[in-house]
Amino acid sequence: KAQLSQYKLNVLKAFDGQEAVDLIEDLHNKVEGCGSEICQRIKIIFMDYEMPRLNGLRATAMIKDIIKSKNIPDIPIILNTAHNDSETKKEASKVGIDILIPKPANPEQLKDLLKSFI
């Protein structure tokens, strides 16, 4: 969040994977259809790999299922992880991670990513 705040973005923060899933579900349930708040407010999701209760890969799979089942336009998900091995990349791709960036995130790479999605 600290790195993102310098770009003057509104950041919604989840403390673990389950909270991230709940946040997406709750936002969608509060509004009607997709001309709504969720489609306009959430432009990108940054996900950590290791989180309590629900890791980033499982949370991503659940969020992508919600997006698909509720006809929400796709929200790109970026996984930030210290696990930069081929197996993690394969698993990330399988659940719908759009981009995997290794930790620590390079500030210039982060800036370029934000510009490309927002």
PDB file of N, CA and C in Angstrom:
ATOM      1  N   LYS A   1       0.833  -1.195   0.000  1.00  0.00           N
ATOM      2  CA  LYS A   1       0.000   0.000   0.000  1.00  0.00           C
ATOM      3  C   LYS A   1       0.874   1.253   0.000  1.00  0.00           C
ATOM      4  N   ALA A   2       1.973   1.214   0.718  1.00  0.00           N
ATOM      5  CA  ALA A   2       2.843   2.389   0.793  1.00  0.00           C
ATOM      6  C   ALA A   2       3.373   2.762  -0.583  1.00  0.00           C
ATOM      7  N   GLN A   3       3.796   1.766  -1.358  1.00  0.00           N
ATOM      8  CA  GLN A   3       4.294   2.060  -2.695  1.00  0.00           C
ATOM      9  C   GLN A   3       3.189   2.592  -3.601  1.00  0.00           C
ATOM     10  N   LEU A   4       1.973   2.108  -3.429  1.00  0.00           N
ATOM     11  CA  LEU A   4       0.861   2.535  -4.280  1.00  0.00           C
ATOM     12  C   LEU A   4       0.345   3.918  -3.910  1.00  0.00           C
ATOM     13  N   SER A   5       0.442   4.289  -2.650  1.00  0.00           N
ATOM     14  CA  SER A   5      -0.131   5.558  -2.207  1.00  0.00           C
ATOM     15  C   SER A   5       0.533   6.764  -2.862  1.00  0.00           C
ATOM     16  N   GLN A   6       1.770   6.639  -3.274  1.00  0.00           N
ATOM     17  CA  GLN A   6       2.446   7.766  -3.921  1.00  0.00           C
ATOM     18  C   GLN A   6       1.840   8.106  -5.284  1.00  0.00           C
ATOM     19  N   TYR A   7       1.021   7.214  -5.833  1.00  0.00           N
ATOM     20  CA  TYR A   7       0.397   7.464  -7.135  1.00  0.00           C
ATOM     21  C   TYR A   7      -0.997   8.071  -7.015  1.00  0.00           C
ATOM     22  N   LYS A   8      -1.348   8.497  -5.822  1.00  0.00           N
ATOM     23  CA  LYS A   8      -2.637   9.141  -5.554  1.00  0.00           C
ATOM     24  C   LYS A   8      -3.820   8.280  -6.011  1.00  0.00           C
ATOM     25  N   LEU A   9      -3.777   7.029  -5.638  1.00  0.00           N
ATOM     26  CA  LEU A   9      -4.847   6.092  -5.947  1.00  0.00           C
ATOM     27  C   LEU A   9      -5.652   5.820  -4.691  1.00  0.00           C
ATOM     28  N   ASN A  10      -6.900   5.494  -4.872  1.00  0.00           N
ATOM     29  CA  ASN A  10      -7.688   4.986  -3.759  1.00  0.00           C
ATOM     30  C   ASN A  10      -7.368   3.510  -3.645  1.00  0.00           C
ATOM     31  N   VAL A  11      -6.876   3.096  -2.507  1.00  0.00           N
ATOM     32  CA  VAL A  11      -6.462   1.717  -2.319  1.00  0.00           C
ATOM     33  C   VAL A  11      -7.376   1.061  -1.304  1.00  0.00           C
ATOM     34  N   LEU A  12      -7.967  -0.060  -1.698  1.00  0.00           N
ATOM     35  CA  LEU A  12      -8.736  -0.884  -0.776  1.00  0.00           C
ATOM     36  C   LEU A  12      -7.795  -1.980  -0.316  1.00  0.00           C
ATOM     37  N   LYS A  13      -7.671  -2.173   0.982  1.00  0.00           N
ATOM     38  CA  LYS A  13      -6.703  -3.128   1.501  1.00  0.00           C
ATOM     39  C   LYS A  13      -7.403  -4.290   2.184  1.00  0.00           C
ATOM     40  N   ALA A  14      -6.957  -5.477   1.836  1.00  0.00           N
ATOM     41  CA  ALA A  14      -7.412  -6.686   2.520  1.00  0.00           C
ATOM     42  C   ALA A  14      -6.223  -7.243   3.286  1.00  0.00           C
ATOM     43  N   PHE A  15      -6.463  -7.730   4.474  1.00  0.00           N
ATOM     44  CA  PHE A  15      -5.374  -8.223   5.310  1.00  0.00           C
ATOM     45  C   PHE A  15      -5.024  -9.683   5.046  1.00  0.00           C
ATOM     46  N   ASP A  16      -5.885 -10.392   4.336  1.00  0.00           N
ATOM     47  CA  ASP A  16      -5.589 -11.767   3.963  1.00  0.00           C
ATOM     48  C   ASP A  16      -6.408 -12.130   2.726  1.00  0.00           C
ATOM     49  N   GLY A  17      -6.161 -13.311   2.205  1.00  0.00           N
ATOM     50  CA  GLY A  17      -6.824 -13.731   0.971  1.00  0.00           C
ATOM     51  C   GLY A  17      -8.336 -13.811   1.088  1.00  0.00           C
ATOM     52  N   GLN A  18      -8.824 -14.316   2.220  1.00  0.00           N
ATOM     53  CA  GLN A  18     -10.272 -14.424   2.388  1.00  0.00           C
ATOM     54  C   GLN A  18     -10.919 -13.047   2.423  1.00  0.00           C
ATOM     55  N   GLU A  19     -10.271 -12.102   3.067  1.00  0.00           N
ATOM     56  CA  GLU A  19     -10.806 -10.747   3.120  1.00  0.00           C
ATOM     57  C   GLU A  19     -10.851 -10.119   1.721  1.00  0.00           C
ATOM     58  N   ALA A  20      -9.881 -10.434   0.881  1.00  0.00           N
ATOM     59  CA  ALA A  20      -9.878  -9.925  -0.497  1.00  0.00           C
ATOM     60  C   ALA A  20     -11.076 -10.481  -1.274  1.00  0.00           C
ATOM     61  N   VAL A  21     -11.324 -11.756  -1.119  1.00  0.00           N
ATOM     62  CA  VAL A  21     -12.482 -12.384  -1.779  1.00  0.00           C
ATOM     63  C   VAL A  21     -13.771 -11.759  -1.262  1.00  0.00           C
ATOM     64  N   ASP A  22     -13.882 -11.625   0.051  1.00  0.00           N
ATOM     65  CA  ASP A  22     -15.080 -11.038   0.660  1.00  0.00           C
ATOM     66  C   ASP A  22     -15.297  -9.605   0.182  1.00  0.00           C
ATOM     67  N   LEU A  23     -14.227  -8.850   0.032  1.00  0.00           N
ATOM     68  CA  LEU A  23     -14.320  -7.462  -0.420  1.00  0.00           C
ATOM     69  C   LEU A  23     -14.928  -7.383  -1.822  1.00  0.00           C
ATOM     70  N   ILE A  24     -14.464  -8.227  -2.716  1.00  0.00           N
ATOM     71  CA  ILE A  24     -15.000  -8.246  -4.087  1.00  0.00           C
ATOM     72  C   ILE A  24     -16.471  -8.653  -4.072  1.00  0.00           C
ATOM     73  N   GLU A  25     -16.796  -9.687  -3.320  1.00  0.00           N
ATOM     74  CA  GLU A  25     -18.192 -10.136  -3.233  1.00  0.00           C
ATOM     75  C   GLU A  25     -19.085  -9.064  -2.633  1.00  0.00           C
ATOM     76  N   ASP A  26     -18.636  -8.453  -1.538  1.00  0.00           N
ATOM     77  CA  ASP A  26     -19.437  -7.430  -0.866  1.00  0.00           C
ATOM     78  C   ASP A  26     -19.670  -6.215  -1.764  1.00  0.00           C
ATOM     79  N   LEU A  27     -18.626  -5.771  -2.451  1.00  0.00           N
ATOM     80  CA  LEU A  27     -18.797  -4.625  -3.342  1.00  0.00           C
ATOM     81  C   LEU A  27     -19.794  -4.937  -4.444  1.00  0.00           C
ATOM     82  N   HIS A  28     -19.698  -6.132  -5.001  1.00  0.00           N
ATOM     83  CA  HIS A  28     -20.629  -6.488  -6.071  1.00  0.00           C
ATOM     84  C   HIS A  28     -22.053  -6.617  -5.538  1.00  0.00           C
ATOM     85  N   ASN A  29     -22.219  -7.183  -4.366  1.00  0.00           N
ATOM     86  CA  ASN A  29     -23.560  -7.378  -3.807  1.00  0.00           C
ATOM     87  C   ASN A  29     -24.237  -6.067  -3.424  1.00  0.00           C
ATOM     88  N   LYS A  30     -23.464  -5.014  -3.202  1.00  0.00           N
ATOM     89  CA  LYS A  30     -24.032  -3.725  -2.811  1.00  0.00           C
ATOM     90  C   LYS A  30     -24.593  -2.947  -3.997  1.00  0.00           C
ATOM     91  N   VAL A  31     -24.261  -3.366  -5.203  1.00  0.00           N
ATOM     92  CA  VAL A  31     -24.639  -2.594  -6.382  1.00  0.00           C
ATOM     93  C   VAL A  31     -25.380  -3.460  -7.374  1.00  0.00           C
ATOM     94  N   GLU A  32     -26.072  -2.812  -8.275  1.00  0.00           N
ATOM     95  CA  GLU A  32     -26.831  -3.526  -9.305  1.00  0.00           C
ATOM     96  C   GLU A  32     -26.013  -3.629 -10.568  1.00  0.00           C
ATOM     97  N   GLY A  33     -25.804  -4.827 -11.041  1.00  0.00           N
ATOM     98  CA  GLY A  33     -25.193  -5.039 -12.347  1.00  0.00           C
ATOM     99  C   GLY A  33     -23.805  -4.451 -12.476  1.00  0.00           C
ATOM    100  N   CYS A  34     -23.351  -4.331 -13.701  1.00  0.00           N
ATOM    101  CA  CYS A  34     -21.969  -3.946 -13.884  1.00  0.00           C
ATOM    102  C   CYS A  34     -21.770  -2.532 -14.385  1.00  0.00           C
ATOM    103  N   GLY A  35     -22.789  -1.722 -14.433  1.00  0.00           N
ATOM    104  CA  GLY A  35     -22.535  -0.321 -14.683  1.00  0.00           C
ATOM    105  C   GLY A  35     -22.212   0.306 -13.351  1.00  0.00           C
ATOM    106  N   SER A  36     -21.749  -0.502 -12.454  1.00  0.00           N
ATOM    107  CA  SER A  36     -21.715  -0.172 -11.051  1.00  0.00           C
ATOM    108  C   SER A  36     -20.350   0.174 -10.517  1.00  0.00           C
ATOM    109  N   GLU A  37     -20.367   0.388  -9.237  1.00  0.00           N
ATOM    110  CA  GLU A  37     -19.200   0.780  -8.468  1.00  0.00           C
ATOM    111  C   GLU A  37     -18.026  -0.190  -8.644  1.00  0.00           C
ATOM    112  N   ILE A  38     -18.278  -1.477  -8.556  1.00  0.00           N
ATOM    113  CA  ILE A  38     -17.165  -2.422  -8.633  1.00  0.00           C
ATOM    114  C   ILE A  38     -16.460  -2.341  -9.977  1.00  0.00           C
ATOM    115  N   CYS A  39     -17.223  -2.167 -11.042  1.00  0.00           N
ATOM    116  CA  CYS A  39     -16.613  -2.110 -12.362  1.00  0.00           C
ATOM    117  C   CYS A  39     -15.859  -0.807 -12.575  1.00  0.00           C
ATOM    118  N   GLN A  40     -16.278   0.230 -11.906  1.00  0.00           N
ATOM    119  CA  GLN A  40     -15.639   1.533 -12.073  1.00  0.00           C
ATOM    120  C   GLN A  40     -14.507   1.758 -11.079  1.00  0.00           C
ATOM    121  N   ARG A  41     -14.621   1.214  -9.878  1.00  0.00           N
ATOM    122  CA  ARG A  41     -13.651   1.505  -8.822  1.00  0.00           C
ATOM    123  C   ARG A  41     -12.424   0.618  -8.856  1.00  0.00           C
ATOM    124  N   ILE A  42     -12.605  -0.659  -9.111  1.00  0.00           N
ATOM    125  CA  ILE A  42     -11.466  -1.573  -9.032  1.00  0.00           C
ATOM    126  C   ILE A  42     -10.896  -1.781 -10.427  1.00  0.00           C
ATOM    127  N   LYS A  43      -9.730  -1.221 -10.628  1.00  0.00           N
ATOM    128  CA  LYS A  43      -9.069  -1.294 -11.938  1.00  0.00           C
ATOM    129  C   LYS A  43      -8.013  -2.387 -11.981  1.00  0.00           C
ATOM    130  N   ILE A  44      -7.482  -2.728 -10.827  1.00  0.00           N
ATOM    131  CA  ILE A  44      -6.400  -3.699 -10.751  1.00  0.00           C
ATOM    132  C   ILE A  44      -6.352  -4.262  -9.334  1.00  0.00           C
ATOM    133  N   ILE A  45      -5.931  -5.509  -9.215  1.00  0.00           N
ATOM    134  CA  ILE A  45      -5.771  -6.134  -7.905  1.00  0.00           C
ATOM    135  C   ILE A  45      -4.316  -6.574  -7.764  1.00  0.00           C
ATOM    136  N   PHE A  46      -3.677  -6.135  -6.678  1.00  0.00           N
ATOM    137  CA  PHE A  46      -2.349  -6.617  -6.329  1.00  0.00           C
ATOM    138  C   PHE A  46      -2.542  -7.679  -5.265  1.00  0.00           C
ATOM    139  N   MET A  47      -1.967  -8.830  -5.500  1.00  0.00           N
ATOM    140  CA  MET A  47      -2.149  -9.969  -4.600  1.00  0.00           C
ATOM    141  C   MET A  47      -0.780 -10.454  -4.139  1.00  0.00           C
ATOM    142  N   ASP A  48      -0.655 -10.716  -2.858  1.00  0.00           N
ATOM    143  CA  ASP A  48       0.556 -11.334  -2.339  1.00  0.00           C
ATOM    144  C   ASP A  48       0.366 -12.846  -2.401  1.00  0.00           C
ATOM    145  N   TYR A  49       1.428 -13.567  -2.534  1.00  0.00           N
ATOM    146  CA  TYR A  49       1.342 -15.034  -2.587  1.00  0.00           C
ATOM    147  C   TYR A  49       1.046 -15.622  -1.207  1.00  0.00           C
ATOM    148  N   GLU A  50       1.828 -15.228  -0.225  1.00  0.00           N
ATOM    149  CA  GLU A  50       1.682 -15.802   1.113  1.00  0.00           C
ATOM    150  C   GLU A  50       0.857 -14.881   1.999  1.00  0.00           C
ATOM    151  N   MET A  51      -0.352 -15.345   2.316  1.00  0.00           N
ATOM    152  CA  MET A  51      -1.251 -14.591   3.192  1.00  0.00           C
ATOM    153  C   MET A  51      -1.918 -15.579   4.140  1.00  0.00           C
ATOM    154  N   PRO A  52      -2.345 -15.093   5.296  1.00  0.00           N
ATOM    155  CA  PRO A  52      -3.064 -15.981   6.220  1.00  0.00           C
ATOM    156  C   PRO A  52      -4.430 -16.389   5.646  1.00  0.00           C
ATOM    157  N   ARG A  53      -4.964 -17.434   6.182  1.00  0.00           N
ATOM    158  CA  ARG A  53      -6.282 -17.998   5.867  1.00  0.00           C
ATOM    159  C   ARG A  53      -6.402 -18.505   4.436  1.00  0.00           C
ATOM    160  N   LEU A  54      -5.996 -17.728   3.460  1.00  0.00           N
ATOM    161  CA  LEU A  54      -6.177 -18.108   2.060  1.00  0.00           C
ATOM    162  C   LEU A  54      -5.024 -17.494   1.274  1.00  0.00           C
ATOM    163  N   ASN A  55      -4.213 -18.321   0.627  1.00  0.00           N
ATOM    164  CA  ASN A  55      -3.065 -17.751  -0.079  1.00  0.00           C
ATOM    165  C   ASN A  55      -3.510 -17.022  -1.354  1.00  0.00           C
ATOM    166  N   GLY A  56      -2.586 -16.302  -1.951  1.00  0.00           N
ATOM    167  CA  GLY A  56      -2.895 -15.479  -3.109  1.00  0.00           C
ATOM    168  C   GLY A  56      -3.396 -16.247  -4.314  1.00  0.00           C
ATOM    169  N   LEU A  57      -2.907 -17.464  -4.518  1.00  0.00           N
ATOM    170  CA  LEU A  57      -3.369 -18.254  -5.660  1.00  0.00           C
ATOM    171  C   LEU A  57      -4.814 -18.701  -5.474  1.00  0.00           C
ATOM    172  N   ARG A  58      -5.128 -19.180  -4.296  1.00  0.00           N
ATOM    173  CA  ARG A  58      -6.510 -19.625  -4.021  1.00  0.00           C
ATOM    174  C   ARG A  58      -7.471 -18.432  -4.032  1.00  0.00           C
ATOM    175  N   ALA A  59      -7.052 -17.325  -3.442  1.00  0.00           N
ATOM    176  CA  ALA A  59      -7.894 -16.122  -3.451  1.00  0.00           C
ATOM    177  C   ALA A  59      -8.132 -15.647  -4.887  1.00  0.00           C
ATOM    178  N   THR A  60      -7.095 -15.688  -5.715  1.00  0.00           N
ATOM    179  CA  THR A  60      -7.246 -15.283  -7.118  1.00  0.00           C
ATOM    180  C   THR A  60      -8.239 -16.176  -7.837  1.00  0.00           C
ATOM    181  N   ALA A  61      -8.129 -17.489  -7.644  1.00  0.00           N
ATOM    182  CA  ALA A  61      -9.066 -18.409  -8.289  1.00  0.00           C
ATOM    183  C   ALA A  61     -10.504 -18.088  -7.892  1.00  0.00           C
ATOM    184  N   MET A  62     -10.715 -17.806  -6.608  1.00  0.00           N
ATOM    185  CA  MET A  62     -12.066 -17.493  -6.138  1.00  0.00           C
ATOM    186  C   MET A  62     -12.553 -16.157  -6.696  1.00  0.00           C
ATOM    187  N   ILE A  63     -11.682 -15.152  -6.740  1.00  0.00           N
ATOM    188  CA  ILE A  63     -12.061 -13.848  -7.285  1.00  0.00           C
ATOM    189  C   ILE A  63     -12.384 -13.963  -8.771  1.00  0.00           C
ATOM    190  N   LYS A  64     -11.580 -14.703  -9.506  1.00  0.00           N
ATOM    191  CA  LYS A  64     -11.840 -14.889 -10.941  1.00  0.00           C
ATOM    192  C   LYS A  64     -13.173 -15.608 -11.154  1.00  0.00           C
ATOM    193  N   ASP A  65     -13.522 -16.565 -10.278  1.00  0.00           N
ATOM    194  CA  ASP A  65     -14.829 -17.239 -10.365  1.00  0.00           C
ATOM    195  C   ASP A  65     -15.970 -16.252 -10.125  1.00  0.00           C
ATOM    196  N   ILE A  66     -15.809 -15.364  -9.145  1.00  0.00           N
ATOM    197  CA  ILE A  66     -16.831 -14.349  -8.860  1.00  0.00           C
ATOM    198  C   ILE A  66     -16.989 -13.431 -10.073  1.00  0.00           C
ATOM    199  N   ILE A  67     -15.883 -12.984 -10.617  1.00  0.00           N
ATOM    200  CA  ILE A  67     -15.905 -12.092 -11.782  1.00  0.00           C
ATOM    201  C   ILE A  67     -16.655 -12.740 -12.934  1.00  0.00           C
ATOM    202  N   LYS A  68     -16.340 -13.996 -13.182  1.00  0.00           N
ATOM    203  CA  LYS A  68     -16.973 -14.710 -14.297  1.00  0.00           C
ATOM    204  C   LYS A  68     -18.462 -14.960 -14.031  1.00  0.00           C
ATOM    205  N   SER A  69     -18.790 -15.429 -12.842  1.00  0.00           N
ATOM    206  CA  SER A  69     -20.178 -15.792 -12.543  1.00  0.00           C
ATOM    207  C   SER A  69     -21.110 -14.586 -12.461  1.00  0.00           C
ATOM    208  N   LYS A  70     -20.572 -13.432 -12.129  1.00  0.00           N
ATOM    209  CA  LYS A  70     -21.413 -12.238 -11.982  1.00  0.00           C
ATOM    210  C   LYS A  70     -21.279 -11.296 -13.174  1.00  0.00           C
ATOM    211  N   ASN A  71     -20.648 -11.764 -14.247  1.00  0.00           N
ATOM    212  CA  ASN A  71     -20.476 -10.972 -15.475  1.00  0.00           C
ATOM    213  C   ASN A  71     -19.810  -9.620 -15.233  1.00  0.00           C
ATOM    214  N   ILE A  72     -18.818  -9.619 -14.375  1.00  0.00           N
ATOM    215  CA  ILE A  72     -18.033  -8.416 -14.120  1.00  0.00           C
ATOM    216  C   ILE A  72     -16.903  -8.404 -15.146  1.00  0.00           C
ATOM    217  N   PRO A  73     -16.638  -7.269 -15.779  1.00  0.00           N
ATOM    218  CA  PRO A  73     -15.484  -7.227 -16.687  1.00  0.00           C
ATOM    219  C   PRO A  73     -14.218  -7.637 -15.929  1.00  0.00           C
ATOM    220  N   ASP A  74     -13.349  -8.349 -16.610  1.00  0.00           N
ATOM    221  CA  ASP A  74     -12.162  -8.887 -15.964  1.00  0.00           C
ATOM    222  C   ASP A  74     -11.360  -7.785 -15.279  1.00  0.00           C
ATOM    223  N   ILE A  75     -10.879  -8.097 -14.095  1.00  0.00           N
ATOM    224  CA  ILE A  75     -10.010  -7.199 -13.328  1.00  0.00           C
ATOM    225  C   ILE A  75      -8.633  -7.853 -13.313  1.00  0.00           C
ATOM    226  N   PRO A  76      -7.622  -7.194 -13.870  1.00  0.00           N
ATOM    227  CA  PRO A  76      -6.289  -7.791 -13.877  1.00  0.00           C
ATOM    228  C   PRO A  76      -5.776  -8.004 -12.449  1.00  0.00           C
ATOM    229  N   ILE A  77      -5.148  -9.153 -12.240  1.00  0.00           N
ATOM    230  CA  ILE A  77      -4.576  -9.470 -10.934  1.00  0.00           C
ATOM    231  C   ILE A  77      -3.073  -9.665 -11.109  1.00  0.00           C
ATOM    232  N   ILE A  78      -2.325  -8.922 -10.299  1.00  0.00           N
ATOM    233  CA  ILE A  78      -0.869  -8.994 -10.306  1.00  0.00           C
ATOM    234  C   ILE A  78      -0.429  -9.670  -9.018  1.00  0.00           C
ATOM    235  N   LEU A  79       0.351 -10.721  -9.157  1.00  0.00           N
ATOM    236  CA  LEU A  79       0.861 -11.444  -7.991  1.00  0.00           C
ATOM    237  C   LEU A  79       2.272 -10.975  -7.684  1.00  0.00           C
ATOM    238  N   ASN A  80       2.464 -10.550  -6.449  1.00  0.00           N
ATOM    239  CA  ASN A  80       3.781 -10.128  -5.978  1.00  0.00           C
ATOM    240  C   ASN A  80       4.280 -11.225  -5.038  1.00  0.00           C
ATOM    241  N   THR A  81       5.404 -11.832  -5.394  1.00  0.00           N
ATOM    242  CA  THR A  81       5.857 -12.982  -4.629  1.00  0.00           C
ATOM    243  C   THR A  81       7.368 -13.130  -4.616  1.00  0.00           C
ATOM    244  N   ALA A  82       7.852 -13.729  -3.548  1.00  0.00           N
ATOM    245  CA  ALA A  82       9.264 -14.088  -3.467  1.00  0.00           C
ATOM    246  C   ALA A  82       9.502 -15.429  -4.163  1.00  0.00           C
ATOM    247  N   HIS A  83       8.421 -16.138  -4.474  1.00  0.00           N
ATOM    248  CA  HIS A  83       8.508 -17.426  -5.171  1.00  0.00           C
ATOM    249  C   HIS A  83       8.507 -17.171  -6.677  1.00  0.00           C
ATOM    250  N   ASN A  84       9.678 -17.122  -7.256  1.00  0.00           N
ATOM    251  CA  ASN A  84       9.793 -16.786  -8.677  1.00  0.00           C
ATOM    252  C   ASN A  84      10.236 -17.994  -9.493  1.00  0.00           C
ATOM    253  N   ASP A  85       9.850 -19.184  -9.050  1.00  0.00           N
ATOM    254  CA  ASP A  85      10.241 -20.412  -9.730  1.00  0.00           C
ATOM    255  C   ASP A  85       9.208 -20.799 -10.791  1.00  0.00           C
ATOM    256  N   SER A  86       9.557 -21.734 -11.639  1.00  0.00           N
ATOM    257  CA  SER A  86       8.683 -22.114 -12.753  1.00  0.00           C
ATOM    258  C   SER A  86       7.368 -22.729 -12.270  1.00  0.00           C
ATOM    259  N   GLU A  87       7.392 -23.470 -11.156  1.00  0.00           N
ATOM    260  CA  GLU A  87       6.162 -24.073 -10.640  1.00  0.00           C
ATOM    261  C   GLU A  87       5.171 -22.993 -10.178  1.00  0.00           C
ATOM    262  N   THR A  88       5.656 -21.982  -9.482  1.00  0.00           N
ATOM    263  CA  THR A  88       4.789 -20.887  -9.043  1.00  0.00           C
ATOM    264  C   THR A  88       4.221 -20.151 -10.249  1.00  0.00           C
ATOM    265  N   LYS A  89       5.043 -19.905 -11.242  1.00  0.00           N
ATOM    266  CA  LYS A  89       4.568 -19.232 -12.458  1.00  0.00           C
ATOM    267  C   LYS A  89       3.485 -20.055 -13.145  1.00  0.00           C
ATOM    268  N   LYS A  90       3.668 -21.352 -13.184  1.00  0.00           N
ATOM    269  CA  LYS A  90       2.683 -22.251 -13.796  1.00  0.00           C
ATOM    270  C   LYS A  90       1.363 -22.221 -13.021  1.00  0.00           C
ATOM    271  N   GLU A  91       1.456 -22.328 -11.698  1.00  0.00           N
ATOM    272  CA  GLU A  91       0.259 -22.281 -10.850  1.00  0.00           C
ATOM    273  C   GLU A  91      -0.445 -20.935 -10.971  1.00  0.00           C
ATOM    274  N   ALA A  92       0.330 -19.861 -11.007  1.00  0.00           N
ATOM    275  CA  ALA A  92      -0.239 -18.514 -11.114  1.00  0.00           C
ATOM    276  C   ALA A  92      -1.007 -18.361 -12.423  1.00  0.00           C
ATOM    277  N   SER A  93      -0.444 -18.825 -13.488  1.00  0.00           N
ATOM    278  CA  SER A  93      -1.113 -18.753 -14.788  1.00  0.00           C
ATOM    279  C   SER A  93      -2.400 -19.575 -14.785  1.00  0.00           C
ATOM    280  N   LYS A  94      -2.344 -20.742 -14.169  1.00  0.00           N
ATOM    281  CA  LYS A  94      -3.497 -21.644 -14.121  1.00  0.00           C
ATOM    282  C   LYS A  94      -4.709 -21.021 -13.418  1.00  0.00           C
ATOM    283  N   VAL A  95      -4.482 -20.246 -12.351  1.00  0.00           N
ATOM    284  CA  VAL A  95      -5.605 -19.653 -11.605  1.00  0.00           C
ATOM    285  C   VAL A  95      -6.045 -18.301 -12.154  1.00  0.00           C
ATOM    286  N   GLY A  96      -5.285 -17.756 -13.105  1.00  0.00           N
ATOM    287  CA  GLY A  96      -5.713 -16.502 -13.721  1.00  0.00           C
ATOM    288  C   GLY A  96      -4.909 -15.278 -13.355  1.00  0.00           C
ATOM    289  N   ILE A  97      -3.739 -15.467 -12.739  1.00  0.00           N
ATOM    290  CA  ILE A  97      -2.871 -14.324 -12.473  1.00  0.00           C
ATOM    291  C   ILE A  97      -2.462 -13.733 -13.819  1.00  0.00           C
ATOM    292  N   ASP A  98      -2.581 -12.431 -13.960  1.00  0.00           N
ATOM    293  CA  ASP A  98      -2.241 -11.776 -15.223  1.00  0.00           C
ATOM    294  C   ASP A  98      -0.757 -11.467 -15.322  1.00  0.00           C
ATOM    295  N   ILE A  99      -0.162 -11.044 -14.211  1.00  0.00           N
ATOM    296  CA  ILE A  99       1.260 -10.698 -14.199  1.00  0.00           C
ATOM    297  C   ILE A  99       1.845 -11.124 -12.865  1.00  0.00           C
ATOM    298  N   LEU A 100       3.029 -11.685 -12.908  1.00  0.00           N
ATOM    299  CA  LEU A 100       3.741 -12.055 -11.700  1.00  0.00           C
ATOM    300  C   LEU A 100       4.976 -11.170 -11.606  1.00  0.00           C
ATOM    301  N   ILE A 101       5.083 -10.457 -10.485  1.00  0.00           N
ATOM    302  CA  ILE A 101       6.286  -9.645 -10.282  1.00  0.00           C
ATOM    303  C   ILE A 101       6.988 -10.120  -9.010  1.00  0.00           C
ATOM    304  N   PRO A 102       8.304 -10.303  -9.109  1.00  0.00           N
ATOM    305  CA  PRO A 102       9.048 -10.798  -7.948  1.00  0.00           C
ATOM    306  C   PRO A 102       9.230  -9.725  -6.887  1.00  0.00           C
ATOM    307  N   LYS A 103       9.346 -10.194  -5.637  1.00  0.00           N
ATOM    308  CA  LYS A 103       9.660  -9.294  -4.529  1.00  0.00           C
ATOM    309  C   LYS A 103      11.160  -9.103  -4.470  1.00  0.00           C
ATOM    310  N   PRO A 104      11.630  -7.976  -4.058  1.00  0.00           N
ATOM    311  CA  PRO A 104      10.845  -6.757  -3.833  1.00  0.00           C
ATOM    312  C   PRO A 104      10.440  -6.137  -5.161  1.00  0.00           C
ATOM    313  N   ALA A 105       9.280  -5.509  -5.186  1.00  0.00           N
ATOM    314  CA  ALA A 105       8.784  -4.887  -6.418  1.00  0.00           C
ATOM    315  C   ALA A 105       9.672  -3.700  -6.789  1.00  0.00           C
ATOM    316  N   ASN A 106      10.082  -3.683  -8.013  1.00  0.00           N
ATOM    317  CA  ASN A 106      10.875  -2.579  -8.547  1.00  0.00           C
ATOM    318  C   ASN A 106       9.960  -1.369  -8.724  1.00  0.00           C
ATOM    319  N   PRO A 107      10.269  -0.228  -8.112  1.00  0.00           N
ATOM    320  CA  PRO A 107       9.389   0.943  -8.202  1.00  0.00           C
ATOM    321  C   PRO A 107       9.095   1.385  -9.641  1.00  0.00           C
ATOM    322  N   GLU A 108      10.053   1.301 -10.515  1.00  0.00           N
ATOM    323  CA  GLU A 108       9.823   1.694 -11.914  1.00  0.00           C
ATOM    324  C   GLU A 108       8.897   0.703 -12.618  1.00  0.00           C
ATOM    325  N   GLN A 109       9.081  -0.588 -12.337  1.00  0.00           N
ATOM    326  CA  GLN A 109       8.201  -1.603 -12.912  1.00  0.00           C
ATOM    327  C   GLN A 109       6.776  -1.397 -12.413  1.00  0.00           C
ATOM    328  N   LEU A 110       6.643  -1.106 -11.138  1.00  0.00           N
ATOM    329  CA  LEU A 110       5.333  -0.849 -10.551  1.00  0.00           C
ATOM    330  C   LEU A 110       4.677   0.361 -11.203  1.00  0.00           C
ATOM    331  N   LYS A 111       5.425   1.408 -11.379  1.00  0.00           N
ATOM    332  CA  LYS A 111       4.916   2.626 -12.026  1.00  0.00           C
ATOM    333  C   LYS A 111       4.453   2.331 -13.454  1.00  0.00           C
ATOM    334  N   ASP A 112       5.242   1.598 -14.212  1.00  0.00           N
ATOM    335  CA  ASP A 112       4.881   1.241 -15.580  1.00  0.00           C
ATOM    336  C   ASP A 112       3.635   0.375 -15.623  1.00  0.00           C
ATOM    337  N   LEU A 113       3.525  -0.574 -14.687  1.00  0.00           N
ATOM    338  CA  LEU A 113       2.337  -1.427 -14.621  1.00  0.00           C
ATOM    339  C   LEU A 113       1.087  -0.603 -14.358  1.00  0.00           C
ATOM    340  N   LEU A 114       1.180   0.286 -13.389  1.00  0.00           N
ATOM    341  CA  LEU A 114       0.029   1.127 -13.061  1.00  0.00           C
ATOM    342  C   LEU A 114      -0.400   1.957 -14.249  1.00  0.00           C
ATOM    343  N   LYS A 115       0.554   2.532 -14.949  1.00  0.00           N
ATOM    344  CA  LYS A 115       0.235   3.357 -16.132  1.00  0.00           C
ATOM    345  C   LYS A 115      -0.464   2.507 -17.190  1.00  0.00           C
ATOM    346  N   SER A 116      -0.067   1.272 -17.349  1.00  0.00           N
ATOM    347  CA  SER A 116      -0.652   0.432 -18.394  1.00  0.00           C
ATOM    348  C   SER A 116      -2.075  -0.027 -18.070  1.00  0.00           C
ATOM    349  N   PHE A 117      -2.432  -0.076 -16.793  1.00  0.00           N
ATOM    350  CA  PHE A 117      -3.764  -0.556 -16.424  1.00  0.00           C
ATOM    351  C   PHE A 117      -4.742   0.556 -16.035  1.00  0.00           C
ATOM    352  N   ILE A 118      -4.228   1.723 -15.678  1.00  0.00           N
ATOM    353  CA  ILE A 118      -5.135   2.759 -15.166  1.00  0.00           C
ATOM    354  C   ILE A 118      -5.187   3.933 -16.123  1.00  0.00           C
TER     355      ILE A 118
END
